[in-house]
Full PDB file with SEQRES, HELIX, SHEET, SSBOND, CRYST1, ORIGX, SCALE, CONECT and MASTER records, all heavy atoms in Angstrom:
SEQRES   1 A   40  ALA ASP LEU LEU GLN GLY VAL ASP LEU SER GLY SER ASP          
SEQRES   2 A   40  ASP GLU VAL VAL SER VAL LEU MET ASP LEU ALA ARG ILE          
SEQRES   3 A   40  GLU THR ALA PRO ARG SER ARG ALA PHE ALA ASP ILE LEU          
SEQRES   4 A   40  VAL                                                          
HELIX    1 AA1 ASP A    2  GLN A    5  5                                   4    
HELIX    2 AA2 GLU A   15  LEU A   39  1                                  25    
CRYST1    1.000    1.000    1.000  90.00  90.00  90.00 P 1           1          
ORIGX1      1.000000  0.000000  0.000000        0.00000                         
ORIGX2      0.000000  1.000000  0.000000        0.00000                         
ORIGX3      0.000000  0.000000  1.000000        0.00000                         
SCALE1      1.000000  0.000000  0.000000        0.00000                         
SCALE2      0.000000  1.000000  0.000000        0.00000                         
SCALE3      0.000000  0.000000  1.000000        0.00000                         
ATOM      1  N   ALA A   1       0.829  -1.199   0.000  1.00  0.00           N  
ATOM      2  CA  ALA A   1       0.000   0.000   0.000  1.00  0.00           C  
ATOM      3  C   ALA A   1       0.863   1.249   0.000  1.00  0.00           C  
ATOM      4  O   ALA A   1       0.543   2.254  -0.614  1.00  0.00           O  
ATOM      5  CB  ALA A   1      -0.925  -0.004   1.221  1.00  0.00           C  
ATOM      6  N   ASP A   2       1.983   1.207   0.687  1.00  0.00           N  
ATOM      7  CA  ASP A   2       2.860   2.371   0.731  1.00  0.00           C  
ATOM      8  C   ASP A   2       3.559   2.586  -0.594  1.00  0.00           C  
ATOM      9  O   ASP A   2       3.862   3.715  -0.971  1.00  0.00           O  
ATOM     10  CB  ASP A   2       3.891   2.188   1.849  1.00  0.00           C  
ATOM     11  CG  ASP A   2       4.347   3.519   2.411  1.00  0.00           C  
ATOM     12  OD1 ASP A   2       3.486   4.368   2.664  1.00  0.00           O  
ATOM     13  OD2 ASP A   2       5.553   3.704   2.573  1.00  0.00           O  
ATOM     14  N   LEU A   3       3.816   1.511  -1.337  1.00  0.00           N  
ATOM     15  CA  LEU A   3       4.488   1.639  -2.620  1.00  0.00           C  
ATOM     16  C   LEU A   3       3.617   2.324  -3.656  1.00  0.00           C  
ATOM     17  O   LEU A   3       4.116   2.790  -4.677  1.00  0.00           O  
ATOM     18  CB  LEU A   3       4.904   0.246  -3.136  1.00  0.00           C  
ATOM     19  CG  LEU A   3       5.924  -0.494  -2.251  1.00  0.00           C  
ATOM     20  CD1 LEU A   3       6.186  -1.874  -2.825  1.00  0.00           C  
ATOM     21  CD2 LEU A   3       7.216   0.288  -2.150  1.00  0.00           C  
ATOM     22  N   LEU A   4       2.328   2.404  -3.402  1.00  0.00           N  
ATOM     23  CA  LEU A   4       1.448   3.085  -4.341  1.00  0.00           C  
ATOM     24  C   LEU A   4       1.844   4.545  -4.526  1.00  0.00           C  
ATOM     25  O   LEU A   4       1.627   5.125  -5.566  1.00  0.00           O  
ATOM     26  CB  LEU A   4      -0.008   3.013  -3.841  1.00  0.00           C  
ATOM     27  CG  LEU A   4      -0.677   1.649  -3.912  1.00  0.00           C  
ATOM     28  CD1 LEU A   4      -2.025   1.695  -3.211  1.00  0.00           C  
ATOM     29  CD2 LEU A   4      -0.842   1.207  -5.354  1.00  0.00           C  
ATOM     30  N   GLN A   5       2.416   5.140  -3.477  1.00  0.00           N  
ATOM     31  CA  GLN A   5       2.840   6.524  -3.562  1.00  0.00           C  
ATOM     32  C   GLN A   5       4.350   6.647  -3.752  1.00  0.00           C  
ATOM     33  O   GLN A   5       4.926   7.698  -3.553  1.00  0.00           O  
ATOM     34  CB  GLN A   5       2.397   7.273  -2.295  1.00  0.00           C  
ATOM     35  CG  GLN A   5       0.892   7.421  -2.209  1.00  0.00           C  
ATOM     36  CD  GLN A   5       0.344   8.231  -3.360  1.00  0.00           C  
ATOM     37  OE1 GLN A   5       0.896   9.254  -3.738  1.00  0.00           O  
ATOM     38  NE2 GLN A   5      -0.754   7.786  -3.926  1.00  0.00           N  
ATOM     39  N   GLY A   6       5.005   5.531  -4.098  1.00  0.00           N  
ATOM     40  CA  GLY A   6       6.423   5.583  -4.412  1.00  0.00           C  
ATOM     41  C   GLY A   6       7.340   5.693  -3.223  1.00  0.00           C  
ATOM     42  O   GLY A   6       8.490   6.102  -3.366  1.00  0.00           O  
ATOM     43  N   VAL A   7       6.841   5.338  -2.037  1.00  0.00           N  
ATOM     44  CA  VAL A   7       7.697   5.383  -0.846  1.00  0.00           C  
ATOM     45  C   VAL A   7       8.438   4.061  -0.740  1.00  0.00           C  
ATOM     46  O   VAL A   7       7.836   3.011  -0.628  1.00  0.00           O  
ATOM     47  CB  VAL A   7       6.853   5.620   0.428  1.00  0.00           C  
ATOM     48  CG1 VAL A   7       7.744   5.645   1.662  1.00  0.00           C  
ATOM     49  CG2 VAL A   7       6.092   6.930   0.296  1.00  0.00           C  
ATOM     50  N   ASP A   8       9.744   4.096  -0.790  1.00  0.00           N  
ATOM     51  CA  ASP A   8      10.573   2.893  -0.783  1.00  0.00           C  
ATOM     52  C   ASP A   8      10.838   2.449   0.646  1.00  0.00           C  
ATOM     53  O   ASP A   8      11.514   3.133   1.399  1.00  0.00           O  
ATOM     54  CB  ASP A   8      11.889   3.175  -1.506  1.00  0.00           C  
ATOM     55  CG  ASP A   8      12.797   1.944  -1.567  1.00  0.00           C  
ATOM     56  OD1 ASP A   8      12.322   0.851  -1.194  1.00  0.00           O  
ATOM     57  OD2 ASP A   8      13.950   2.091  -1.975  1.00  0.00           O  
ATOM     58  N   LEU A   9      10.301   1.305   1.022  1.00  0.00           N  
ATOM     59  CA  LEU A   9      10.497   0.789   2.378  1.00  0.00           C  
ATOM     60  C   LEU A   9      11.561  -0.293   2.428  1.00  0.00           C  
ATOM     61  O   LEU A   9      11.774  -0.907   3.467  1.00  0.00           O  
ATOM     62  CB  LEU A   9       9.169   0.205   2.904  1.00  0.00           C  
ATOM     63  CG  LEU A   9       8.013   1.176   3.004  1.00  0.00           C  
ATOM     64  CD1 LEU A   9       6.767   0.451   3.474  1.00  0.00           C  
ATOM     65  CD2 LEU A   9       8.357   2.310   3.933  1.00  0.00           C  
ATOM     66  N   SER A  10      12.200  -0.557   1.314  1.00  0.00           N  
ATOM     67  CA  SER A  10      13.110  -1.689   1.258  1.00  0.00           C  
ATOM     68  C   SER A  10      14.532  -1.339   1.697  1.00  0.00           C  
ATOM     69  O   SER A  10      15.335  -2.223   1.956  1.00  0.00           O  
ATOM     70  CB  SER A  10      13.159  -2.245  -0.171  1.00  0.00           C  
ATOM     71  OG  SER A  10      13.639  -1.272  -1.076  1.00  0.00           O  
ATOM     72  N   GLY A  11      14.876  -0.058   1.775  1.00  0.00           N  
ATOM     73  CA  GLY A  11      16.235   0.316   2.137  1.00  0.00           C  
ATOM     74  C   GLY A  11      16.542  -0.001   3.593  1.00  0.00           C  
ATOM     75  O   GLY A  11      15.685   0.116   4.462  1.00  0.00           O  
ATOM     76  N   SER A  12      17.730  -0.408   3.858  1.00  0.00           N  
ATOM     77  CA  SER A  12      18.116  -0.760   5.225  1.00  0.00           C  
ATOM     78  C   SER A  12      18.523   0.493   5.989  1.00  0.00           C  
ATOM     79  O   SER A  12      19.003   1.464   5.420  1.00  0.00           O  
ATOM     80  CB  SER A  12      19.273  -1.760   5.217  1.00  0.00           C  
ATOM     81  OG  SER A  12      20.397  -1.205   4.555  1.00  0.00           O  
ATOM     82  N   ASP A  13      18.336   0.450   7.312  1.00  0.00           N  
ATOM     83  CA  ASP A  13      18.704   1.576   8.158  1.00  0.00           C  
ATOM     84  C   ASP A  13      20.213   1.620   8.353  1.00  0.00           C  
ATOM     85  O   ASP A  13      20.905   0.620   8.193  1.00  0.00           O  
ATOM     86  CB  ASP A  13      18.029   1.453   9.525  1.00  0.00           C  
ATOM     87  CG  ASP A  13      16.537   1.645   9.444  1.00  0.00           C  
ATOM     88  OD1 ASP A  13      16.108   2.569   8.743  1.00  0.00           O  
ATOM     89  OD2 ASP A  13      15.832   0.864  10.071  1.00  0.00           O  
ATOM     90  N   ASP A  14      20.687   2.787   8.747  1.00  0.00           N  
ATOM     91  CA  ASP A  14      22.076   2.910   9.136  1.00  0.00           C  
ATOM     92  C   ASP A  14      22.369   1.900  10.249  1.00  0.00           C  
ATOM     93  O   ASP A  14      21.560   1.646  11.122  1.00  0.00           O  
ATOM     94  CB  ASP A  14      22.321   4.335   9.630  1.00  0.00           C  
ATOM     95  CG  ASP A  14      23.717   4.514  10.164  1.00  0.00           C  
ATOM     96  OD1 ASP A  14      24.635   4.768   9.377  1.00  0.00           O  
ATOM     97  OD2 ASP A  14      23.874   4.379  11.395  1.00  0.00           O  
ATOM     98  N   GLU A  15      23.550   1.320  10.212  1.00  0.00           N  
ATOM     99  CA  GLU A  15      23.881   0.231  11.131  1.00  0.00           C  
ATOM    100  C   GLU A  15      23.756   0.659  12.590  1.00  0.00           C  
ATOM    101  O   GLU A  15      23.209  -0.078  13.422  1.00  0.00           O  
ATOM    102  CB  GLU A  15      25.302  -0.266  10.861  1.00  0.00           C  
ATOM    103  CG  GLU A  15      25.706  -1.449  11.726  1.00  0.00           C  
ATOM    104  CD  GLU A  15      27.099  -1.961  11.376  1.00  0.00           C  
ATOM    105  OE1 GLU A  15      27.680  -1.462  10.395  1.00  0.00           O  
ATOM    106  OE2 GLU A  15      27.579  -2.849  12.092  1.00  0.00           O  
ATOM    107  N   VAL A  16      24.228   1.837  12.902  1.00  0.00           N  
ATOM    108  CA  VAL A  16      24.160   2.298  14.292  1.00  0.00           C  
ATOM    109  C   VAL A  16      22.712   2.493  14.713  1.00  0.00           C  
ATOM    110  O   VAL A  16      22.295   2.078  15.797  1.00  0.00           O  
ATOM    111  CB  VAL A  16      24.957   3.607  14.468  1.00  0.00           C  
ATOM    112  CG1 VAL A  16      24.794   4.152  15.875  1.00  0.00           C  
ATOM    113  CG2 VAL A  16      26.425   3.371  14.150  1.00  0.00           C  
ATOM    114  N   VAL A  17      21.903   3.130  13.855  1.00  0.00           N  
ATOM    115  CA  VAL A  17      20.501   3.347  14.169  1.00  0.00           C  
ATOM    116  C   VAL A  17      19.793   2.015  14.345  1.00  0.00           C  
ATOM    117  O   VAL A  17      18.968   1.832  15.243  1.00  0.00           O  
ATOM    118  CB  VAL A  17      19.829   4.190  13.076  1.00  0.00           C  
ATOM    119  CG1 VAL A  17      18.334   4.311  13.331  1.00  0.00           C  
ATOM    120  CG2 VAL A  17      20.466   5.563  12.998  1.00  0.00           C  
ATOM    121  N   SER A  18      20.128   1.049  13.507  1.00  0.00           N  
ATOM    122  CA  SER A  18      19.509  -0.265  13.598  1.00  0.00           C  
ATOM    123  C   SER A  18      19.792  -0.921  14.949  1.00  0.00           C  
ATOM    124  O   SER A  18      18.904  -1.508  15.569  1.00  0.00           O  
ATOM    125  CB  SER A  18      20.024  -1.161  12.460  1.00  0.00           C  
ATOM    126  OG  SER A  18      19.464  -2.455  12.546  1.00  0.00           O  
ATOM    127  N   VAL A  19      21.034  -0.807  15.403  1.00  0.00           N  
ATOM    128  CA  VAL A  19      21.387  -1.383  16.708  1.00  0.00           C  
ATOM    129  C   VAL A  19      20.604  -0.700  17.822  1.00  0.00           C  
ATOM    130  O   VAL A  19      20.077  -1.358  18.731  1.00  0.00           O  
ATOM    131  CB  VAL A  19      22.901  -1.264  16.951  1.00  0.00           C  
ATOM    132  CG1 VAL A  19      23.240  -1.638  18.387  1.00  0.00           C  
ATOM    133  CG2 VAL A  19      23.663  -2.148  15.972  1.00  0.00           C  
ATOM    134  N   LEU A  20      20.515   0.629  17.754  1.00  0.00           N  
ATOM    135  CA  LEU A  20      19.795   1.361  18.780  1.00  0.00           C  
ATOM    136  C   LEU A  20      18.308   1.009  18.780  1.00  0.00           C  
ATOM    137  O   LEU A  20      17.673   0.924  19.838  1.00  0.00           O  
ATOM    138  CB  LEU A  20      19.985   2.861  18.578  1.00  0.00           C  
ATOM    139  CG  LEU A  20      21.402   3.384  18.844  1.00  0.00           C  
ATOM    140  CD1 LEU A  20      21.522   4.829  18.397  1.00  0.00           C  
ATOM    141  CD2 LEU A  20      21.754   3.247  20.317  1.00  0.00           C  
ATOM    142  N   MET A  21      17.746   0.797  17.593  1.00  0.00           N  
ATOM    143  CA  MET A  21      16.351   0.385  17.507  1.00  0.00           C  
ATOM    144  C   MET A  21      16.148  -0.970  18.160  1.00  0.00           C  
ATOM    145  O   MET A  21      15.174  -1.189  18.895  1.00  0.00           O  
ATOM    146  CB  MET A  21      15.902   0.351  16.041  1.00  0.00           C  
ATOM    147  CG  MET A  21      15.792   1.713  15.387  1.00  0.00           C  
ATOM    148  SD  MET A  21      15.357   1.607  13.637  1.00  0.00           S  
ATOM    149  CE  MET A  21      13.680   1.001  13.737  1.00  0.00           C  
ATOM    150  N   ASP A  22      17.074  -1.876  17.912  1.00  0.00           N  
ATOM    151  CA  ASP A  22      16.971  -3.202  18.524  1.00  0.00           C  
ATOM    152  C   ASP A  22      17.040  -3.108  20.044  1.00  0.00           C  
ATOM    153  O   ASP A  22      16.322  -3.816  20.760  1.00  0.00           O  
ATOM    154  CB  ASP A  22      18.089  -4.106  18.001  1.00  0.00           C  
ATOM    155  CG  ASP A  22      17.882  -4.494  16.544  1.00  0.00           C  
ATOM    156  OD1 ASP A  22      16.732  -4.386  16.073  1.00  0.00           O  
ATOM    157  OD2 ASP A  22      18.872  -4.884  15.890  1.00  0.00           O  
ATOM    158  N   LEU A  23      17.909  -2.228  20.543  1.00  0.00           N  
ATOM    159  CA  LEU A  23      18.013  -2.057  21.982  1.00  0.00           C  
ATOM    160  C   LEU A  23      16.715  -1.501  22.562  1.00  0.00           C  
ATOM    161  O   LEU A  23      16.269  -1.932  23.627  1.00  0.00           O  
ATOM    162  CB  LEU A  23      19.187  -1.127  22.314  1.00  0.00           C  
ATOM    163  CG  LEU A  23      20.589  -1.687  22.051  1.00  0.00           C  
ATOM    164  CD1 LEU A  23      21.640  -0.610  22.274  1.00  0.00           C  
ATOM    165  CD2 LEU A  23      20.865  -2.891  22.966  1.00  0.00           C  
ATOM    166  N   ALA A  24      16.132  -0.533  21.869  1.00  0.00           N  
ATOM    167  CA  ALA A  24      14.882   0.054  22.356  1.00  0.00           C  
ATOM    168  C   ALA A  24      13.771  -0.980  22.374  1.00  0.00           C  
ATOM    169  O   ALA A  24      12.916  -0.984  23.267  1.00  0.00           O  
ATOM    170  CB  ALA A  24      14.487   1.242  21.481  1.00  0.00           C  
ATOM    171  N   ARG A  25      13.771  -1.882  21.390  1.00  0.00           N  
ATOM    172  CA  ARG A  25      12.710  -2.893  21.316  1.00  0.00           C  
ATOM    173  C   ARG A  25      12.837  -3.940  22.418  1.00  0.00           C  
ATOM    174  O   ARG A  25      11.891  -4.700  22.643  1.00  0.00           O  
ATOM    175  CB  ARG A  25      12.725  -3.574  19.947  1.00  0.00           C  
ATOM    176  CG  ARG A  25      12.281  -2.659  18.816  1.00  0.00           C  
ATOM    177  CD  ARG A  25      11.971  -3.443  17.546  1.00  0.00           C  
ATOM    178  NE  ARG A  25      11.642  -2.539  16.470  1.00  0.00           N  
ATOM    179  CZ  ARG A  25      12.451  -2.230  15.467  1.00  0.00           C  
ATOM    180  NH1 ARG A  25      13.664  -2.778  15.418  1.00  0.00           N  
ATOM    181  NH2 ARG A  25      12.083  -1.394  14.528  1.00  0.00           N  
ATOM    182  N   ILE A  26      13.997  -4.021  23.072  1.00  0.00           N  
ATOM    183  CA  ILE A  26      14.127  -4.962  24.186  1.00  0.00           C  
ATOM    184  C   ILE A  26      13.067  -4.647  25.239  1.00  0.00           C  
ATOM    185  O   ILE A  26      12.540  -5.545  25.898  1.00  0.00           O  
ATOM    186  CB  ILE A  26      15.549  -4.882  24.789  1.00  0.00           C  
ATOM    187  CG1 ILE A  26      16.566  -5.445  23.788  1.00  0.00           C  
ATOM    188  CG2 ILE A  26      15.619  -5.635  26.115  1.00  0.00           C  
ATOM    189  CD1 ILE A  26      18.000  -5.311  24.247  1.00  0.00           C  
ATOM    190  N   GLU A  27      12.723  -3.369  25.390  1.00  0.00           N  
ATOM    191  CA  GLU A  27      11.679  -2.981  26.341  1.00  0.00           C  
ATOM    192  C   GLU A  27      10.304  -2.982  25.707  1.00  0.00           C  
ATOM    193  O   GLU A  27       9.346  -3.486  26.292  1.00  0.00           O  
ATOM    194  CB  GLU A  27      11.965  -1.593  26.909  1.00  0.00           C  
ATOM    195  CG  GLU A  27      10.868  -1.114  27.859  1.00  0.00           C  
ATOM    196  CD  GLU A  27      11.107   0.292  28.375  1.00  0.00           C  
ATOM    197  OE1 GLU A  27      12.190   0.838  28.119  1.00  0.00           O  
ATOM    198  OE2 GLU A  27      10.204   0.832  29.038  1.00  0.00           O  
ATOM    199  N   THR A  28      10.169  -2.406  24.504  1.00  0.00           N  
ATOM    200  CA  THR A  28       8.840  -2.230  23.934  1.00  0.00           C  
ATOM    201  C   THR A  28       8.251  -3.525  23.384  1.00  0.00           C  
ATOM    202  O   THR A  28       7.039  -3.710  23.427  1.00  0.00           O  
ATOM    203  CB  THR A  28       8.866  -1.177  22.814  1.00  0.00           C  
ATOM    204  OG1 THR A  28       9.838  -1.549  21.839  1.00  0.00           O  
ATOM    205  CG2 THR A  28       9.198   0.194  23.366  1.00  0.00           C  
ATOM    206  N   ALA A  29       9.075  -4.441  22.874  1.00  0.00           N  
ATOM    207  CA  ALA A  29       8.543  -5.678  22.287  1.00  0.00           C  
ATOM    208  C   ALA A  29       7.770  -6.518  23.303  1.00  0.00           C  
ATOM    209  O   ALA A  29       6.651  -6.971  23.012  1.00  0.00           O  
ATOM    210  CB  ALA A  29       9.667  -6.493  21.652  1.00  0.00           C  
ATOM    211  N   PRO A  30       8.299  -6.751  24.510  1.00  0.00           N  
ATOM    212  CA  PRO A  30       7.510  -7.511  25.491  1.00  0.00           C  
ATOM    213  C   PRO A  30       6.214  -6.794  25.881  1.00  0.00           C  
ATOM    214  O   PRO A  30       5.200  -7.453  26.141  1.00  0.00           O  
ATOM    215  CB  PRO A  30       8.465  -7.629  26.685  1.00  0.00           C  
ATOM    216  CG  PRO A  30       9.828  -7.432  26.125  1.00  0.00           C  
ATOM    217  CD  PRO A  30       9.650  -6.465  25.001  1.00  0.00           C  
ATOM    218  N   ARG A  31       6.235  -5.485  25.911  1.00  0.00           N  
ATOM    219  CA  ARG A  31       5.022  -4.738  26.244  1.00  0.00           C  
ATOM    220  C   ARG A  31       3.986  -4.867  25.131  1.00  0.00           C  
ATOM    221  O   ARG A  31       2.783  -4.957  25.402  1.00  0.00           O  
ATOM    222  CB  ARG A  31       5.372  -3.270  26.491  1.00  0.00           C  
ATOM    223  CG  ARG A  31       6.313  -3.069  27.681  1.00  0.00           C  
ATOM    224  CD  ARG A  31       6.762  -1.627  27.781  1.00  0.00           C  
ATOM    225  NE  ARG A  31       5.649  -0.731  28.071  1.00  0.00           N  
ATOM    226  CZ  ARG A  31       5.626   0.551  27.733  1.00  0.00           C  
ATOM    227  NH1 ARG A  31       6.637   1.086  27.054  1.00  0.00           N  
ATOM    228  NH2 ARG A  31       4.586   1.299  28.046  1.00  0.00           N  
ATOM    229  N   SER A  32       4.455  -4.880  23.887  1.00  0.00           N  
ATOM    230  CA  SER A  32       3.534  -5.098  22.762  1.00  0.00           C  
ATOM    231  C   SER A  32       2.900  -6.477  22.851  1.00  0.00           C  
ATOM    232  O   SER A  32       1.686  -6.642  22.670  1.00  0.00           O  
ATOM    233  CB  SER A  32       4.285  -4.950  21.434  1.00  0.00           C  
ATOM    234  OG  SER A  32       4.796  -3.653  21.257  1.00  0.00           O  
ATOM    235  N   ARG A  33       3.729  -7.478  23.116  1.00  0.00           N  
ATOM    236  CA  ARG A  33       3.205  -8.845  23.210  1.00  0.00           C  
ATOM    237  C   ARG A  33       2.225  -8.983  24.377  1.00  0.00           C  
ATOM    238  O   ARG A  33       1.222  -9.684  24.273  1.00  0.00           O  
ATOM    239  CB  ARG A  33       4.358  -9.836  23.339  1.00  0.00           C  
ATOM    240  CG  ARG A  33       5.220  -9.946  22.080  1.00  0.00           C  
ATOM    241  CD  ARG A  33       6.148 -11.142  22.155  1.00  0.00           C  
ATOM    242  NE  ARG A  33       7.169 -10.977  23.178  1.00  0.00           N  
ATOM    243  CZ  ARG A  33       8.372 -10.456  22.951  1.00  0.00           C  
ATOM    244  NH1 ARG A  33       8.689 -10.038  21.721  1.00  0.00           N  
ATOM    245  NH2 ARG A  33       9.261 -10.340  23.924  1.00  0.00           N  
ATOM    246  N   ALA A  34       2.526  -8.306  25.485  1.00  0.00           N  
ATOM    247  CA  ALA A  34       1.632  -8.372  26.639  1.00  0.00           C  
ATOM    248  C   ALA A  34       0.271  -7.785  26.293  1.00  0.00           C  
ATOM    249  O   ALA A  34      -0.779  -8.355  26.643  1.00  0.00           O  
ATOM    250  CB  ALA A  34       2.249  -7.632  27.823  1.00  0.00           C  
ATOM    251  N   PHE A  35       0.254  -6.639  25.593  1.00  0.00           N  
ATOM    252  CA  PHE A  35      -1.028  -6.061  25.208  1.00  0.00           C  
ATOM    253  C   PHE A  35      -1.759  -6.965  24.223  1.00  0.00           C  
ATOM    254  O   PHE A  35      -2.983  -7.147  24.324  1.00  0.00           O  
ATOM    255  CB  PHE A  35      -0.850  -4.670  24.597  1.00  0.00           C  
ATOM    256  CG  PHE A  35      -2.132  -4.111  24.043  1.00  0.00           C  
ATOM    257  CD1 PHE A  35      -3.184  -3.819  24.888  1.00  0.00           C  
ATOM    258  CD2 PHE A  35      -2.300  -3.905  22.679  1.00  0.00           C  
ATOM    259  CE1 PHE A  35      -4.393  -3.330  24.394  1.00  0.00           C  
ATOM    260  CE2 PHE A  35      -3.491  -3.420  22.173  1.00  0.00           C  
ATOM    261  CZ  PHE A  35      -4.540  -3.126  23.040  1.00  0.00           C  
ATOM    262  N   ALA A  36      -1.034  -7.528  23.272  1.00  0.00           N  
ATOM    263  CA  ALA A  36      -1.665  -8.416  22.292  1.00  0.00           C  
ATOM    264  C   ALA A  36      -2.343  -9.601  22.987  1.00  0.00           C  
ATOM    265  O   ALA A  36      -3.474  -9.983  22.641  1.00  0.00           O  
ATOM    266  CB  ALA A  36      -0.633  -8.912  21.292  1.00  0.00           C  
ATOM    267  N   ASP A  37      -1.681 -10.180  23.976  1.00  0.00           N  
ATOM    268  CA  ASP A  37      -2.265 -11.320  24.699  1.00  0.00           C  
ATOM    269  C   ASP A  37      -3.513 -10.899  25.467  1.00  0.00           C  
ATOM    270  O   ASP A  37      -4.529 -11.614  25.467  1.00  0.00           O  
ATOM    271  CB  ASP A  37      -1.227 -11.909  25.655  1.00  0.00           C  
ATOM    272  CG  ASP A  37      -0.064 -12.574  24.932  1.00  0.00           C  
ATOM    273  OD1 ASP A  37      -0.234 -12.927  23.749  1.00  0.00           O  
ATOM    274  OD2 ASP A  37       1.005 -12.736  25.545  1.00  0.00           O  
ATOM    275  N   ILE A  38      -3.458  -9.741  26.133  1.00  0.00           N  
ATOM    276  CA  ILE A  38      -4.624  -9.250  26.868  1.00  0.00           C  
ATOM    277  C   ILE A  38      -5.773  -8.948  25.913  1.00  0.00           C  
ATOM    278  O   ILE A  38      -6.946  -9.219  26.221  1.00  0.00           O  
ATOM    279  CB  ILE A  38      -4.241  -8.002  27.690  1.00  0.00           C  
ATOM    280  CG1 ILE A  38      -3.297  -8.389  28.825  1.00  0.00           C  
ATOM    281  CG2 ILE A  38      -5.479  -7.302  28.237  1.00  0.00           C  
ATOM    282  CD1 ILE A  38      -2.750  -7.207  29.608  1.00  0.00           C  
ATOM    283  N   LEU A  39      -5.453  -8.396  24.732  1.00  0.00           N  
ATOM    284  CA  LEU A  39      -6.478  -8.067  23.751  1.00  0.00           C  
ATOM    285  C   LEU A  39      -7.181  -9.324  23.254  1.00  0.00           C  
ATOM    286  O   LEU A  39      -8.416  -9.366  23.142  1.00  0.00           O  
ATOM    287  CB  LEU A  39      -5.853  -7.299  22.583  1.00  0.00           C  
ATOM    288  CG  LEU A  39      -6.790  -6.849  21.464  1.00  0.00           C  
ATOM    289  CD1 LEU A  39      -7.958  -6.041  22.016  1.00  0.00           C  
ATOM    290  CD2 LEU A  39      -6.015  -6.044  20.425  1.00  0.00           C  
ATOM    291  N   VAL A  40      -6.413 -10.370  22.972  1.00  0.00           N  
ATOM    292  CA  VAL A  40      -7.024 -11.641  22.542  1.00  0.00           C  
ATOM    293  C   VAL A  40      -7.948 -12.173  23.628  1.00  0.00           C  
ATOM    294  O   VAL A  40      -9.080 -12.606  23.347  1.00  0.00           O  
ATOM    295  CB  VAL A  40      -5.926 -12.671  22.195  1.00  0.00           C  
ATOM    296  CG1 VAL A  40      -6.536 -14.061  22.024  1.00  0.00           C  
ATOM    297  CG2 VAL A  40      -5.208 -12.258  20.917  1.00  0.00           C  
TER     298      VAL A  40                                                      
MASTER        0    0    0    2    0    0    0    6  297    1    0    4          
END                                                                             
């Protein structure tokens, strides 16, 4: 759906930013899963 407007989502992030994103998800990913389980 995003490609309909020519927005390229396939490019990889800068390596440092990617690492920092992974670190941030260490906290947010379990919280997302917890909400998903409660929602089900």
